[in-house]
Amino acid sequence: YSLFMREDGLVFGYFETPESYQAA
């Protein structure tokens, strides 16, 4: 799991999970 942020506060998050985004 990682978070990356632009100067204006927009955050891109990334993670890996066994099933799905919704399940996690």
PDB file of all heavy atoms in Angstrom:
ATOM      1  N   TYR A   1       0.836  -1.200   0.000  1.00  0.00           N
ATOM      2  CA  TYR A   1       0.000   0.000   0.000  1.00  0.00           C
ATOM      3  C   TYR A   1       0.870   1.250   0.000  1.00  0.00           C
ATOM      4  O   TYR A   1       1.763   1.389   0.832  1.00  0.00           O
ATOM      5  CB  TYR A   1      -0.897  -0.049   1.240  1.00  0.00           C
ATOM      6  CG  TYR A   1      -1.926   1.043   1.412  1.00  0.00           C
ATOM      7  CD1 TYR A   1      -2.315   1.874   0.378  1.00  0.00           C
ATOM      8  CD2 TYR A   1      -2.523   1.229   2.645  1.00  0.00           C
ATOM      9  CE1 TYR A   1      -3.281   2.852   0.570  1.00  0.00           C
ATOM     10  CE2 TYR A   1      -3.486   2.195   2.852  1.00  0.00           C
ATOM     11  CZ  TYR A   1      -3.853   3.013   1.807  1.00  0.00           C
ATOM     12  OH  TYR A   1      -4.803   3.983   2.000  1.00  0.00           O
ATOM     13  N   SER A   2       0.615   2.155  -0.938  1.00  0.00           N
ATOM     14  CA  SER A   2       1.350   3.418  -1.037  1.00  0.00           C
ATOM     15  C   SER A   2       0.394   4.559  -1.349  1.00  0.00           C
ATOM     16  O   SER A   2      -0.630   4.363  -2.012  1.00  0.00           O
ATOM     17  CB  SER A   2       2.383   3.363  -2.177  1.00  0.00           C
ATOM     18  OG  SER A   2       3.343   2.377  -1.947  1.00  0.00           O
ATOM     19  N   LEU A   3       0.766   5.758  -0.888  1.00  0.00           N
ATOM     20  CA  LEU A   3       0.050   6.985  -1.240  1.00  0.00           C
ATOM     21  C   LEU A   3       1.043   7.958  -1.854  1.00  0.00           C
ATOM     22  O   LEU A   3       2.155   8.123  -1.350  1.00  0.00           O
ATOM     23  CB  LEU A   3      -0.576   7.632   0.006  1.00  0.00           C
ATOM     24  CG  LEU A   3      -1.626   6.824   0.751  1.00  0.00           C
ATOM     25  CD1 LEU A   3      -2.027   7.542   2.041  1.00  0.00           C
ATOM     26  CD2 LEU A   3      -2.846   6.582  -0.128  1.00  0.00           C
ATOM     27  N   PHE A   4       0.628   8.619  -2.935  1.00  0.00           N
ATOM     28  CA  PHE A   4       1.434   9.626  -3.613  1.00  0.00           C
ATOM     29  C   PHE A   4       0.583  10.890  -3.720  1.00  0.00           C
ATOM     30  O   PHE A   4      -0.589  10.812  -4.072  1.00  0.00           O
ATOM     31  CB  PHE A   4       1.810   9.156  -5.033  1.00  0.00           C
ATOM     32  CG  PHE A   4       2.559   7.846  -5.046  1.00  0.00           C
ATOM     33  CD1 PHE A   4       1.870   6.647  -5.074  1.00  0.00           C
ATOM     34  CD2 PHE A   4       3.939   7.826  -5.032  1.00  0.00           C
ATOM     35  CE1 PHE A   4       2.541   5.428  -5.098  1.00  0.00           C
ATOM     36  CE2 PHE A   4       4.627   6.618  -5.049  1.00  0.00           C
ATOM     37  CZ  PHE A   4       3.928   5.417  -5.087  1.00  0.00           C
ATOM     38  N   MET A   5       1.190  12.073  -3.446  1.00  0.00           N
ATOM     39  CA  MET A   5       0.399  13.298  -3.435  1.00  0.00           C
ATOM     40  C   MET A   5       1.016  14.377  -4.324  1.00  0.00           C
ATOM     41  O   MET A   5       2.219  14.599  -4.300  1.00  0.00           O
ATOM     42  CB  MET A   5       0.270  13.841  -2.012  1.00  0.00           C
ATOM     43  CG  MET A   5      -0.642  15.030  -1.929  1.00  0.00           C
ATOM     44  SD  MET A   5      -1.144  15.570  -0.253  1.00  0.00           S
ATOM     45  CE  MET A   5       0.121  15.056   0.812  1.00  0.00           C
ATOM     46  N   ARG A   6       0.125  15.039  -5.084  1.00  0.00           N
ATOM     47  CA  ARG A   6       0.524  16.213  -5.854  1.00  0.00           C
ATOM     48  C   ARG A   6       0.528  17.435  -4.941  1.00  0.00           C
ATOM     49  O   ARG A   6      -0.030  17.415  -3.849  1.00  0.00           O
ATOM     50  CB  ARG A   6      -0.476  16.493  -6.987  1.00  0.00           C
ATOM     51  CG  ARG A   6      -0.334  15.622  -8.174  1.00  0.00           C
ATOM     52  CD  ARG A   6      -1.132  16.049  -9.382  1.00  0.00           C
ATOM     53  NE  ARG A   6      -2.333  16.843  -9.153  1.00  0.00           N
ATOM     54  CZ  ARG A   6      -3.294  17.029 -10.057  1.00  0.00           C
ATOM     55  NH1 ARG A   6      -3.179  16.464 -11.252  1.00  0.00           N
ATOM     56  NH2 ARG A   6      -4.345  17.755  -9.787  1.00  0.00           N
ATOM     57  N   GLU A   7       1.100  18.534  -5.432  1.00  0.00           N
ATOM     58  CA  GLU A   7       1.162  19.783  -4.671  1.00  0.00           C
ATOM     59  C   GLU A   7      -0.210  20.317  -4.293  1.00  0.00           C
ATOM     60  O   GLU A   7      -0.364  20.979  -3.268  1.00  0.00           O
ATOM     61  CB  GLU A   7       1.894  20.859  -5.467  1.00  0.00           C
ATOM     62  CG  GLU A   7       3.373  20.636  -5.606  1.00  0.00           C
ATOM     63  CD  GLU A   7       4.038  21.721  -6.428  1.00  0.00           C
ATOM     64  OE1 GLU A   7       3.348  22.657  -6.910  1.00  0.00           O
ATOM     65  OE2 GLU A   7       5.261  21.637  -6.590  1.00  0.00           O
ATOM     66  N   ASP A   8      -1.223  20.043  -5.114  1.00  0.00           N
ATOM     67  CA  ASP A   8      -2.570  20.562  -4.845  1.00  0.00           C
ATOM     68  C   ASP A   8      -3.388  19.648  -3.935  1.00  0.00           C
ATOM     69  O   ASP A   8      -4.555  19.917  -3.665  1.00  0.00           O
ATOM     70  CB  ASP A   8      -3.325  20.815  -6.149  1.00  0.00           C
ATOM     71  CG  ASP A   8      -3.627  19.541  -6.931  1.00  0.00           C
ATOM     72  OD1 ASP A   8      -3.188  18.439  -6.529  1.00  0.00           O
ATOM     73  OD2 ASP A   8      -4.312  19.648  -7.964  1.00  0.00           O
ATOM     74  N   GLY A   9      -2.799  18.552  -3.469  1.00  0.00           N
ATOM     75  CA  GLY A   9      -3.478  17.661  -2.541  1.00  0.00           C
ATOM     76  C   GLY A   9      -4.146  16.459  -3.175  1.00  0.00           C
ATOM     77  O   GLY A   9      -4.709  15.626  -2.457  1.00  0.00           O
ATOM     78  N   LEU A  10      -4.094  16.338  -4.500  1.00  0.00           N
ATOM     79  CA  LEU A  10      -4.655  15.141  -5.123  1.00  0.00           C
ATOM     80  C   LEU A  10      -3.754  13.960  -4.781  1.00  0.00           C
ATOM     81  O   LEU A  10      -2.538  14.020  -4.968  1.00  0.00           O
ATOM     82  CB  LEU A  10      -4.767  15.302  -6.636  1.00  0.00           C
ATOM     83  CG  LEU A  10      -5.457  14.138  -7.359  1.00  0.00           C
ATOM     84  CD1 LEU A  10      -6.927  14.054  -6.943  1.00  0.00           C
ATOM     85  CD2 LEU A  10      -5.352  14.313  -8.859  1.00  0.00           C
ATOM     86  N   VAL A  11      -4.358  12.900  -4.247  1.00  0.00           N
ATOM     87  CA  VAL A  11      -3.618  11.719  -3.805  1.00  0.00           C
ATOM     88  C   VAL A  11      -3.960  10.548  -4.705  1.00  0.00           C
ATOM     89  O   VAL A  11      -5.131  10.269  -4.973  1.00  0.00           O
ATOM     90  CB  VAL A  11      -3.976  11.364  -2.340  1.00  0.00           C
ATOM     91  CG1 VAL A  11      -3.338  10.046  -1.921  1.00  0.00           C
ATOM     92  CG2 VAL A  11      -3.576  12.485  -1.406  1.00  0.00           C
ATOM     93  N   PHE A  12      -2.906   9.867  -5.168  1.00  0.00           N
ATOM     94  CA  PHE A  12      -3.069   8.585  -5.855  1.00  0.00           C
ATOM     95  C   PHE A  12      -2.652   7.510  -4.871  1.00  0.00           C
ATOM     96  O   PHE A  12      -1.549   7.550  -4.318  1.00  0.00           O
ATOM     97  CB  PHE A  12      -2.191   8.509  -7.103  1.00  0.00           C
ATOM     98  CG  PHE A  12      -2.100   7.116  -7.671  1.00  0.00           C
ATOM     99  CD1 PHE A  12      -3.176   6.558  -8.340  1.00  0.00           C
ATOM    100  CD2 PHE A  12      -0.953   6.356  -7.497  1.00  0.00           C
ATOM    101  CE1 PHE A  12      -3.113   5.259  -8.833  1.00  0.00           C
ATOM    102  CE2 PHE A  12      -0.875   5.064  -7.995  1.00  0.00           C
ATOM    103  CZ  PHE A  12      -1.957   4.518  -8.662  1.00  0.00           C
ATOM    104  N   GLY A  13      -3.545   6.569  -4.618  1.00  0.00           N
ATOM    105  CA  GLY A  13      -3.241   5.449  -3.746  1.00  0.00           C
ATOM    106  C   GLY A  13      -3.152   4.163  -4.544  1.00  0.00           C
ATOM    107  O   GLY A  13      -3.820   4.009  -5.573  1.00  0.00           O
ATOM    108  N   TYR A  14      -2.317   3.264  -4.072  1.00  0.00           N
ATOM    109  CA  TYR A  14      -2.142   1.964  -4.723  1.00  0.00           C
ATOM    110  C   TYR A  14      -2.021   0.903  -3.644  1.00  0.00           C
ATOM    111  O   TYR A  14      -1.348   1.101  -2.634  1.00  0.00           O
ATOM    112  CB  TYR A  14      -0.873   1.955  -5.587  1.00  0.00           C
ATOM    113  CG  TYR A  14      -0.563   0.583  -6.139  1.00  0.00           C
ATOM    114  CD1 TYR A  14      -1.134   0.162  -7.321  1.00  0.00           C
ATOM    115  CD2 TYR A  14       0.268  -0.288  -5.453  1.00  0.00           C
ATOM    116  CE1 TYR A  14      -0.876  -1.114  -7.822  1.00  0.00           C
ATOM    117  CE2 TYR A  14       0.530  -1.561  -5.943  1.00  0.00           C
ATOM    118  CZ  TYR A  14      -0.047  -1.964  -7.124  1.00  0.00           C
ATOM    119  OH  TYR A  14       0.200  -3.223  -7.615  1.00  0.00           O
ATOM    120  N   PHE A  15      -2.687  -0.222  -3.841  1.00  0.00           N
ATOM    121  CA  PHE A  15      -2.461  -1.388  -3.003  1.00  0.00           C
ATOM    122  C   PHE A  15      -2.810  -2.643  -3.787  1.00  0.00           C
ATOM    123  O   PHE A  15      -3.419  -2.588  -4.855  1.00  0.00           O
ATOM    124  CB  PHE A  15      -3.233  -1.307  -1.673  1.00  0.00           C
ATOM    125  CG  PHE A  15      -4.731  -1.416  -1.777  1.00  0.00           C
ATOM    126  CD1 PHE A  15      -5.373  -2.620  -1.540  1.00  0.00           C
ATOM    127  CD2 PHE A  15      -5.506  -0.304  -2.065  1.00  0.00           C
ATOM    128  CE1 PHE A  15      -6.758  -2.721  -1.612  1.00  0.00           C
ATOM    129  CE2 PHE A  15      -6.894  -0.387  -2.124  1.00  0.00           C
ATOM    130  CZ  PHE A  15      -7.517  -1.599  -1.895  1.00  0.00           C
ATOM    131  N   GLU A  16      -2.378  -3.763  -3.250  1.00  0.00           N
ATOM    132  CA  GLU A  16      -2.688  -5.061  -3.837  1.00  0.00           C
ATOM    133  C   GLU A  16      -3.514  -5.831  -2.821  1.00  0.00           C
ATOM    134  O   GLU A  16      -3.280  -5.722  -1.607  1.00  0.00           O
ATOM    135  CB  GLU A  16      -1.400  -5.800  -4.179  1.00  0.00           C
ATOM    136  CG  GLU A  16      -0.599  -5.064  -5.235  1.00  0.00           C
ATOM    137  CD  GLU A  16       0.817  -5.591  -5.393  1.00  0.00           C
ATOM    138  OE1 GLU A  16       1.255  -6.461  -4.602  1.00  0.00           O
ATOM    139  OE2 GLU A  16       1.506  -5.111  -6.315  1.00  0.00           O
ATOM    140  N   THR A  17      -4.483  -6.582  -3.309  1.00  0.00           N
ATOM    141  CA  THR A  17      -5.403  -7.286  -2.426  1.00  0.00           C
ATOM    142  C   THR A  17      -5.821  -8.611  -3.066  1.00  0.00           C
ATOM    143  O   THR A  17      -5.869  -8.705  -4.297  1.00  0.00           O
ATOM    144  CB  THR A  17      -6.628  -6.391  -2.105  1.00  0.00           C
ATOM    145  OG1 THR A  17      -7.392  -6.975  -1.063  1.00  0.00           O
ATOM    146  CG2 THR A  17      -7.479  -6.115  -3.315  1.00  0.00           C
ATOM    147  N   PRO A  18      -6.112  -9.614  -2.278  1.00  0.00           N
ATOM    148  CA  PRO A  18      -6.451 -10.919  -2.846  1.00  0.00           C
ATOM    149  C   PRO A  18      -7.711 -10.928  -3.706  1.00  0.00           C
ATOM    150  O   PRO A  18      -7.777 -11.655  -4.694  1.00  0.00           O
ATOM    151  CB  PRO A  18      -6.651 -11.814  -1.618  1.00  0.00           C
ATOM    152  CG  PRO A  18      -5.921 -11.142  -0.519  1.00  0.00           C
ATOM    153  CD  PRO A  18      -5.981  -9.675  -0.818  1.00  0.00           C
ATOM    154  N   GLU A  19      -8.712 -10.126  -3.359  1.00  0.00           N
ATOM    155  CA  GLU A  19     -10.003 -10.253  -4.031  1.00  0.00           C
ATOM    156  C   GLU A  19     -10.356  -9.041  -4.894  1.00  0.00           C
ATOM    157  O   GLU A  19     -10.354  -9.111  -6.109  1.00  0.00           O
ATOM    158  CB  GLU A  19     -11.085 -10.486  -2.979  1.00  0.00           C
ATOM    159  CG  GLU A  19     -12.401 -10.951  -3.562  1.00  0.00           C
ATOM    160  CD  GLU A  19     -13.406 -11.281  -2.472  1.00  0.00           C
ATOM    161  OE1 GLU A  19     -13.001 -11.728  -1.391  1.00  0.00           O
ATOM    162  OE2 GLU A  19     -14.604 -11.071  -2.716  1.00  0.00           O
ATOM    163  N   SER A  20     -10.712  -7.925  -4.256  1.00  0.00           N
ATOM    164  CA  SER A  20     -11.157  -6.747  -5.000  1.00  0.00           C
ATOM    165  C   SER A  20     -11.054  -5.504  -4.117  1.00  0.00           C
ATOM    166  O   SER A  20     -10.952  -5.609  -2.889  1.00  0.00           O
ATOM    167  CB  SER A  20     -12.616  -6.897  -5.456  1.00  0.00           C
ATOM    168  OG  SER A  20     -13.493  -6.852  -4.343  1.00  0.00           O
ATOM    169  N   TYR A  21     -11.112  -4.342  -4.747  1.00  0.00           N
ATOM    170  CA  TYR A  21     -11.150  -3.061  -4.024  1.00  0.00           C
ATOM    171  C   TYR A  21     -12.304  -3.067  -3.034  1.00  0.00           C
ATOM    172  O   TYR A  21     -12.131  -2.753  -1.858  1.00  0.00           O
ATOM    173  CB  TYR A  21     -11.304  -1.920  -5.035  1.00  0.00           C
ATOM    174  CG  TYR A  21     -11.661  -0.576  -4.444  1.00  0.00           C
ATOM    175  CD1 TYR A  21     -10.685   0.217  -3.855  1.00  0.00           C
ATOM    176  CD2 TYR A  21     -12.963  -0.089  -4.505  1.00  0.00           C
ATOM    177  CE1 TYR A  21     -10.994   1.456  -3.324  1.00  0.00           C
ATOM    178  CE2 TYR A  21     -13.284   1.153  -3.980  1.00  0.00           C
ATOM    179  CZ  TYR A  21     -12.297   1.927  -3.398  1.00  0.00           C
ATOM    180  OH  TYR A  21     -12.613   3.155  -2.879  1.00  0.00           O
ATOM    181  N   GLN A  22     -13.490  -3.436  -3.487  1.00  0.00           N
ATOM    182  CA  GLN A  22     -14.675  -3.380  -2.632  1.00  0.00           C
ATOM    183  C   GLN A  22     -14.565  -4.337  -1.453  1.00  0.00           C
ATOM    184  O   GLN A  22     -14.928  -3.992  -0.333  1.00  0.00           O
ATOM    185  CB  GLN A  22     -15.949  -3.653  -3.433  1.00  0.00           C
ATOM    186  CG  GLN A  22     -17.206  -3.263  -2.685  1.00  0.00           C
ATOM    187  CD  GLN A  22     -17.237  -1.786  -2.302  1.00  0.00           C
ATOM    188  OE1 GLN A  22     -17.079  -0.922  -3.155  1.00  0.00           O
ATOM    189  NE2 GLN A  22     -17.421  -1.497  -1.033  1.00  0.00           N
ATOM    190  N   ALA A  23     -14.041  -5.536  -1.691  1.00  0.00           N
ATOM    191  CA  ALA A  23     -13.887  -6.503  -0.594  1.00  0.00           C
ATOM    192  C   ALA A  23     -12.896  -5.974   0.445  1.00  0.00           C
ATOM    193  O   ALA A  23     -13.143  -6.090   1.660  1.00  0.00           O
ATOM    194  CB  ALA A  23     -13.426  -7.846  -1.135  1.00  0.00           C
ATOM    195  N   ALA A  24     -11.791  -5.389   0.002  1.00  0.00           N
ATOM    196  CA  ALA A  24     -10.800  -4.837   0.937  1.00  0.00           C
ATOM    197  C   ALA A  24     -11.388  -3.643   1.688  1.00  0.00           C
ATOM    198  O   ALA A  24     -11.179  -3.496   2.897  1.00  0.00           O
ATOM    199  CB  ALA A  24      -9.539  -4.428   0.183  1.00  0.00           C
TER     200      ALA A  24
END
